[in-house]
Amino acid sequence: MILAIGYLASAFLAYSLIVSNALRFRWLNIAGCLLFITYGFLIDAFPVMLANSILFFINLYQLFILLKSKETFELLPFESEGILVQRFVEFYASDIEQFFPGFKFSNEANKLSFVVLRDLVIANVFVATINEQGEAKVKLNYTVKHYRDYKVGRFIFEREKEFLQSRGVKKIVYEGMQNKQHLRFLKVMGFEECDKNGQHRMCKTLL
């Protein structure tokens, strides 16, 4: 049992080194440090307890800084894909393929397209088509890996809800979504299953 705590602590710290999100990194480190402090106490290893106690408070302080920091989010609509947006999609093409396989820009009518800037850095590109019923069928909603902490999603679906409604959007719809990570994101954002004619869909109604 005691060894299991030590192995679990090592696993938390090791995993934290491969995540790209700073907030997740700090939480994993804090969990690992707490487990190592417990492990050190159980085996009567004061140096282990001391080192991890110091790391625990460092991580706690850095987490506080992260949570208190204020970022600027901006939504910038675009009608046609400029060179910067095209280059963004090309650069992240392999990762985009994991979430939205086969995505390509098109000239469909009633298209809703915008980028989300996070401290003036492109964090997200969103593309959807709006039908006569006000359903915005999402073709692309890609967020850079570094910014996948739900803040971009909340900005789009909550803070910018009035913008979406002003464009005639009543419901946001994902069709055929298979990526488990993105499905988890959608559930956190309040999307629910709304299958239609046997087709798997995830929907969120803008109230």
Protein backbone atom coordinates (compact mmCIF):
# COMPACT_ATOMS: atom_id res chain seq x y z
CA MET A 1 0.00 0.00 0.00
CA ILE A 2 2.76 2.43 0.93
CA LEU A 3 4.69 1.62 -2.25
CA ALA A 4 1.53 2.19 -4.28
CA ILE A 5 1.32 5.77 -2.93
CA GLY A 6 4.92 6.36 -4.00
CA TYR A 7 4.30 4.98 -7.48
CA LEU A 8 1.10 7.03 -7.83
CA ALA A 9 2.95 10.19 -6.79
CA SER A 10 5.63 9.49 -9.39
CA ALA A 11 2.95 8.93 -12.03
CA PHE A 12 1.30 12.29 -11.29
CA LEU A 13 4.59 14.17 -11.53
CA ALA A 14 5.67 12.32 -14.67
CA TYR A 15 2.35 12.95 -16.38
CA SER A 16 2.47 16.65 -15.48
CA LEU A 17 5.65 16.99 -17.56
CA ILE A 18 3.87 15.99 -20.77
CA VAL A 19 0.76 18.19 -20.49
CA SER A 20 0.80 21.48 -22.38
CA ASN A 21 -1.71 23.37 -20.26
CA ALA A 22 -0.09 25.39 -17.45
CA LEU A 23 -3.11 25.13 -15.15
CA ARG A 24 -3.30 21.35 -15.48
CA PHE A 25 0.46 21.13 -14.96
CA ARG A 26 0.19 22.91 -11.60
CA TRP A 27 -2.76 20.82 -10.39
CA LEU A 28 -0.97 17.57 -11.28
CA ASN A 29 2.19 18.77 -9.54
CA ILE A 30 0.23 19.68 -6.41
CA ALA A 31 -1.40 16.24 -6.36
CA GLY A 32 1.99 14.57 -6.83
CA CYS A 33 3.59 16.63 -4.06
CA LEU A 34 0.79 15.83 -1.60
CA LEU A 35 1.15 12.13 -2.35
CA PHE A 36 4.93 12.30 -1.89
CA ILE A 37 4.50 14.16 1.42
CA THR A 38 2.18 11.37 2.56
CA TYR A 39 4.63 8.75 1.29
CA GLY A 40 7.54 10.43 3.07
CA PHE A 41 5.56 10.54 6.32
CA LEU A 42 4.67 6.85 6.09
CA ILE A 43 8.27 5.75 5.50
CA ASP A 44 9.66 8.32 7.95
CA ALA A 45 11.70 10.09 5.25
CA PHE A 46 11.95 13.73 6.33
CA PRO A 47 13.97 14.89 3.25
CA VAL A 48 11.20 13.62 0.96
CA MET A 49 8.60 15.45 3.02
CA LEU A 50 10.66 18.66 3.13
CA ALA A 51 11.46 18.78 -0.59
CA ASN A 52 7.88 18.12 -1.63
CA SER A 53 6.47 20.54 0.92
CA ILE A 54 8.62 23.28 -0.63
CA LEU A 55 7.50 22.26 -4.14
CA PHE A 56 3.88 22.13 -2.96
CA PHE A 57 3.93 25.78 -1.80
CA ILE A 58 5.77 26.88 -4.95
CA ASN A 59 3.11 25.21 -7.10
CA LEU A 60 0.34 26.64 -4.94
CA TYR A 61 1.75 30.15 -5.38
CA GLN A 62 2.12 29.71 -9.16
CA LEU A 63 -1.43 28.34 -9.35
CA PHE A 64 -2.70 31.41 -7.49
CA ILE A 65 -0.89 33.65 -10.00
CA LEU A 66 -2.42 31.74 -12.92
CA LEU A 67 -5.94 31.92 -11.51
CA LYS A 68 -5.64 35.65 -10.74
CA SER A 69 -4.12 36.62 -14.08
CA LYS A 70 -6.47 38.44 -16.44
CA GLU A 71 -6.44 37.65 -20.14
CA THR A 72 -7.99 39.59 -22.98
CA PHE A 73 -10.32 37.64 -25.27
CA GLU A 74 -11.54 39.01 -28.60
CA LEU A 75 -13.81 37.57 -31.26
CA LEU A 76 -13.04 38.68 -34.81
CA PRO A 77 -15.47 37.59 -37.58
CA PHE A 78 -14.17 37.04 -41.10
CA GLU A 79 -16.04 36.58 -44.37
CA SER A 80 -13.27 35.03 -46.45
CA GLU A 81 -10.17 33.21 -45.27
CA GLY A 82 -7.18 35.52 -45.28
CA ILE A 83 -3.62 34.31 -45.50
CA LEU A 84 -3.19 34.29 -41.71
CA VAL A 85 -6.22 32.06 -41.06
CA GLN A 86 -5.26 29.76 -43.94
CA ARG A 87 -1.72 29.46 -42.59
CA PHE A 88 -3.08 28.72 -39.11
CA VAL A 89 -5.21 25.85 -40.43
CA GLU A 90 -2.32 24.51 -42.53
CA PHE A 91 0.06 24.63 -39.56
CA TYR A 92 -2.30 22.69 -37.29
CA ALA A 93 -3.70 20.47 -40.07
CA SER A 94 -2.64 17.14 -38.52
CA ASP A 95 -4.17 18.01 -35.14
CA ILE A 96 -7.33 19.42 -36.74
CA GLU A 97 -7.73 16.13 -38.58
CA GLN A 98 -8.07 14.35 -35.23
CA PHE A 99 -11.11 16.44 -34.31
CA PHE A 100 -12.60 17.50 -37.66
CA PRO A 101 -11.44 14.98 -40.27
CA GLY A 102 -11.55 16.19 -43.84
CA PHE A 103 -12.19 19.83 -42.96
CA LYS A 104 -11.71 22.30 -45.78
CA PHE A 105 -12.82 25.88 -46.20
CA SER A 106 -15.77 26.26 -48.58
CA ASN A 107 -17.91 29.02 -50.05
CA GLU A 108 -21.19 27.86 -48.52
CA ALA A 109 -23.92 30.43 -47.98
CA ASN A 110 -24.91 31.60 -44.48
CA LYS A 111 -21.48 30.81 -43.10
CA LEU A 112 -20.43 31.94 -39.64
CA SER A 113 -16.65 32.27 -39.32
CA PHE A 114 -14.49 33.91 -36.69
CA VAL A 115 -11.23 33.66 -34.80
CA VAL A 116 -10.79 34.03 -31.05
CA LEU A 117 -7.75 35.97 -29.91
CA ARG A 118 -6.31 35.37 -26.47
CA ASP A 119 -3.98 38.22 -25.56
CA LEU A 120 -3.74 38.97 -29.30
CA VAL A 121 -2.72 35.39 -30.13
CA ILE A 122 -4.99 33.24 -32.32
CA ALA A 123 -6.31 30.60 -29.95
CA ASN A 124 -9.30 29.32 -31.91
CA VAL A 125 -10.84 29.21 -35.37
CA PHE A 126 -14.59 28.62 -35.62
CA VAL A 127 -16.54 27.85 -38.81
CA ALA A 128 -20.23 26.88 -39.04
CA THR A 129 -23.13 27.09 -41.46
CA ILE A 130 -26.54 28.39 -40.35
CA ASN A 131 -29.74 26.88 -41.77
CA GLU A 132 -33.22 28.41 -41.92
CA GLN A 133 -34.13 26.94 -38.52
CA GLY A 134 -31.25 28.80 -36.88
CA GLU A 135 -29.10 25.69 -36.42
CA ALA A 136 -25.40 26.47 -36.66
CA LYS A 137 -23.78 23.25 -37.84
CA VAL A 138 -20.17 23.35 -36.71
CA LYS A 139 -17.60 22.53 -39.38
CA LEU A 140 -14.59 23.58 -37.32
CA ASN A 141 -14.09 24.69 -33.73
CA TYR A 142 -10.39 24.17 -33.21
CA THR A 143 -8.51 25.48 -30.20
CA VAL A 144 -4.74 25.36 -29.97
CA LYS A 145 -3.61 22.67 -27.53
CA HIS A 146 -1.98 25.19 -25.20
CA TYR A 147 -5.33 26.94 -24.66
CA ARG A 148 -7.58 23.93 -24.01
CA ASP A 149 -8.63 24.94 -20.52
CA TYR A 150 -12.31 25.62 -21.38
CA LYS A 151 -11.83 29.40 -21.26
CA VAL A 152 -12.13 29.77 -25.04
CA GLY A 153 -15.26 27.61 -25.08
CA ARG A 154 -16.90 29.61 -22.31
CA PHE A 155 -15.97 32.82 -24.10
CA ILE A 156 -17.66 31.66 -27.31
CA PHE A 157 -20.76 29.99 -25.91
CA GLU A 158 -21.40 32.20 -22.88
CA ARG A 159 -19.78 35.63 -23.14
CA GLU A 160 -20.39 35.93 -26.89
CA LYS A 161 -23.85 34.33 -26.88
CA GLU A 162 -25.46 37.62 -27.93
CA PHE A 163 -23.13 37.83 -30.93
CA LEU A 164 -24.15 34.33 -32.01
CA GLN A 165 -27.83 35.18 -31.57
CA SER A 166 -27.37 38.38 -33.57
CA ARG A 167 -26.22 36.20 -36.45
CA GLY A 168 -29.43 34.18 -36.29
CA VAL A 169 -28.09 31.26 -34.27
CA LYS A 170 -30.65 29.53 -32.06
CA LYS A 171 -28.94 26.20 -31.65
CA ILE A 172 -25.35 25.00 -32.13
CA VAL A 173 -25.04 21.51 -33.56
CA TYR A 174 -22.18 19.04 -33.94
CA GLU A 175 -22.82 16.09 -36.25
CA GLY A 176 -20.93 12.80 -36.21
CA MET A 177 -18.47 13.90 -33.53
CA GLN A 178 -16.31 10.91 -32.53
CA ASN A 179 -13.29 12.38 -30.76
CA LYS A 180 -13.62 11.53 -27.06
CA GLN A 181 -11.66 14.57 -25.91
CA HIS A 182 -13.90 16.93 -27.87
CA LEU A 183 -17.04 15.13 -26.70
CA ARG A 184 -15.90 15.67 -23.10
CA PHE A 185 -15.39 19.36 -23.90
CA LEU A 186 -18.89 19.62 -25.37
CA LYS A 187 -20.48 18.06 -22.29
CA VAL A 188 -18.65 20.53 -20.04
CA MET A 189 -19.97 23.34 -22.28
CA GLY A 190 -23.54 22.14 -21.74
CA PHE A 191 -24.12 20.28 -25.03
CA GLU A 192 -26.51 17.33 -24.99
CA GLU A 193 -27.23 14.45 -27.34
CA CYS A 194 -29.96 15.25 -29.86
CA ASP A 195 -29.85 12.42 -32.39
CA LYS A 196 -31.83 12.99 -35.58
CA ASN A 197 -32.77 10.35 -38.16
CA GLY A 198 -30.28 7.97 -36.58
CA GLN A 199 -27.43 10.47 -36.85
CA HIS A 200 -25.49 11.21 -33.68
CA ARG A 201 -25.59 14.90 -32.84
CA MET A 202 -24.59 17.11 -29.92
CA CYS A 203 -26.64 20.27 -29.44
CA LYS A 204 -26.73 23.39 -27.32
CA THR A 205 -29.71 25.76 -27.42
CA LEU A 206 -28.96 29.44 -26.92
CA LEU A 207 -31.54 30.77 -24.45
